[in-house]
Amino acid sequence: MIVNSSFGFNQGNPLRLTYELDYKGNICGSRNGDPDLHELDVRYWMNPNQVYQSGVKDNKINLADAKAICLMECPIPAIDGLNFVCDYPEGDIRLSVDDWINRDYDYFEYLTPDMRNSSLQLQGPCYPVIFPSVNVYWSCQFIARASNVSLKHWQQMGGINIDENILIDKTIHKAIDSKSSVLKRYVADIGKSWPVLIVCGGLLPLFLSVIWLLLIRYFVAAMPWITVVLFNALVISVTMFCYIKAGWLGNDPLTVVIGESDPYVHITGREISHLHAATVVLTVVMIIAFLSSIAIIRRILIATPVLKVAAKVIGEVQALIIFPVVPYFILAIFYMFWFSATLHLFSSGQVIRNDCNTDCCSYDLKLGKVNCDNCCGYSMHYTPHIGIAILFHLFGCYWATQFFIACSSTVIAGSVASYYWARGEISHDIPFVTVVSSLKRLLRYSLGSVAIGSLVVSAVEWVRFILECLRRKLKLVDSARESCFGKMTSSSSQCCLGCIDWTLKSVNRNAYIMIAITGKGFFKASVLATGLIMNNILRIGKVNVIGDVILFLGKLCVSLFCALFAFLMLDTHKYKSAHNKISSPLIPVVVSWALGFIVAKLFFQVVEMSIDTIILSFCQDAEEHQGNAQYAPPLLMETLDEQSELQRLTQGP
C-alpha cells in the first residue's frame, strides 16, 4: 500500500478533483499555470457557437475541445450594451493579469483592426457575453436566455450569427453532471470536510464510546432500554435532516450553484438525486427500526443478565476500558495516511491534449494571427493501472481495518480468558498485567492467524462487490433481454455470498477467542470454536443473540450521533459557500457514520468479546470436565440456567 500510494503522491493533484482545465491544459485555481491562475477558479467557455455545436448529434466537436479559460466569476451580459471576455493577455496585448481582471477580462478597445474582425467572426481573442451564466461546481453553466440588448449590439457591429438553442444549456449541464465529474466531486468533498471527519469520525465517537462503556459498567440494567429509545430518536433525527437537505422539508435545500444566483433559475444535479434516494432509504430504515423495536421489547430483559456478566468482567479487568485507545490511535494514523493517498490517487491521471479532427480557428496572441492548427483542448486521461491501483487501495483499507479490529479482539479475548480460568482471583494483580500479557502473546504467536482471518473476510466481501458491479454492468448493457434464469442466478449468488460472509465473520470472531484461549492456529481454532458452539447452541444461543442485538444498536447509536453532528457542522456557512462548498453532505456524513461505527466497534467489542469469551470458555470448561464447568463464575451460571431463562422469556417487561 505504501508503494501503491507513493504513485498517487507523485502523480496526483487534489485540485483536479474540484477545478477544471482551460484550453492550455492549466488547472483553474493553480499557481503553476501559465499565467498564474491562483485566483481564477471558474471555467468559462468563450465561444457559444462551439458549445452549441458540441451538443449537436454526430458533430465532430467535443465540449472538451471548445475554448475555455479560467475566471474569478461567471460573467453576465451588460445591461445597456455589449461586453466581452477576452483571452489571457499576452503578445501584443500589454496588460498584466491583474489589469485584465480589473477590466472584467475585456480589452476589446485595445484590439487592432485584424483582431476586431477576428473577434466578430468568433475566432477571438475577444468573445461577446450574450448568455447569462451561473457558477455550477466551478464551471459556468450557460442559461439559454440570450440578452436581447447584447445580441442587438453584436449584430449591429457585424458579428456572425449566434445560436440561441436550449442545447447550449443542456450540453454544459451534461458535462458538469456526468458520472465521472460527480465521483470526483464526492472524493473532493472528503478533502474539503476533513475537520468534520476528525471531529465526527474520530473525537466524538471516542468520547461517546467511553461514556457508553462507563454506563454499562454502572447502569447495566437501564442500558438496553436507553439504547433502543436513543437509536430510534437518532434515526428519526438523521432522516429529518435528509428531508431538509433534499428540499422536502423547510426552505434550506441542497443547491448546485456556488454563490448567489437568480432565484428563478432552477438547476438540478445527480447529487440532489442521490440525496433524494438516500432519504427514501432512510425513511424505510426508520420504519423498520421502529417496528423492530416494538417487536423486541419483551425480549430486552434477556440482554440484562448477559450484559451484567460483561460489566463484572470490565469491573475486574478495568484496563479493558482503556486498551481500545491503542488500536484507535493506530487506525487514526492509518486513516489519515489512507485518505490523503486516496485524494492523490483519484487525481493522478495525466493531462493530455485531445486528439480531435475539428475544423476551427482562433486568434493566437503569441503568433499575432489566426491559427487553425491548435484547436484541440486538454483532458484528464486515466490509464487502466490507475483503476487497479485505486481498487487495491480500497481493498487494502478494508483488510487493514479488519486486521486491526481482529488484533484488538484477540487481545481482549486473551485478557478475559485469563480472568475466567483464574476464577477471578487475579483481579487484584491486574490493572494492566493480563492485557499486556495478552498483547505480547498476540505479537509473538498469533499475528499470522489474525492476518489470514481478516483476509478471508475481506476477500469474500470483495468477491461480492465485484459480482455486484458485473451484474449492474450486464443489466445496463441489455436490461431488456435479461432472462429469469439470469436474474435468479444473480440473486442467488449474492444471497449465498452474503450468507457465507456473515458466517465467516461469526466464525472469525469466535476463532480469535479460541486462538487467545488455546494458542492454536486460525483454522484449527475455527474448527474448535464451531464445534463448541454447535454442541452448546441451545444453552448459549438464547442468551447471546439479544445481547448482540443491543450491542449492535449501541454501535449504531454512536455512529448515528456522529452522522447527525456531521450534518450540523456541514450546515454552517463555511461549507455552503466559496471554495469550501461541498457538492453534497451525503458522502462526508456517510464517511463520518462509517468511521464512527468503526471506533464504536473497537470499544464495544470490549463488552462483545467479554460475553463471547466467557461463554466459549464456559463451553470449553464444560467439555474438559464432563459437562460440569469448574471455573465458571456464579453470575454466569445463573445467566445460563435454563429454568430461569424460560421464566424470563414468559414474563412481561
Foldseek 3Di string as FASTA:
>chain_A
DVVLLVLLVVQFDLLCLQFPAFQVLDTALACPDVHGRVQFGAKEQQFLQLLLQLLDPPRQRHPQLGGIDTHNFFDAADPAEKFKAFDQDDFPRPDDNVVCNVVVNGPQVPDDPQQVVCQLAVQDRIHIRFFGFFQFSRYTQTDLPGDPNNVVNSVVVVHDDHDSDCSSRVSVQCVCQPPLSVVSLLLSLCVLCVVLCCVLLAVLLLVLLLVLLVCLLPVLQCLLVVLLVLLLVLLVLLLVLLCVQLVNDDDNHFARTFDDDDPVDHDDHVQSVVSVVVSVVSVVVSVVSVVVSVVCQLVSNLQSLLSVLLSVLCVLQVCLSVVLVVLSVVLVVVVVSLSVSLSSLSRSFDWDWDDGDDQGWHQDSNVRGIDRPSRTGIDGDDDVVSVVSNVVSVLVNQLVLQLSLLLLLLLLLLLLLVCLVVLNPCSVVDNPVSSVVSNVLCVPQASVQSSVLSVVLSVLVVVLVVLVVVVVVVCVVCVPPQDPVNVVVSVVVNVVSVVVSVVSVVLSSQLSSQCSNPVDGSVVSSVVSVVLCVVCVVQCVSSQPSNVVSLLSSLQSQLSVSLSVLSVVCPDPQCCHDPSPRSHSVSVSVSSSVSSSSSSSSSSSSSVSSSSSLVSSQSVQCVVVVRDRDRRHPSVVVSRDPVVVVVSSPDGD
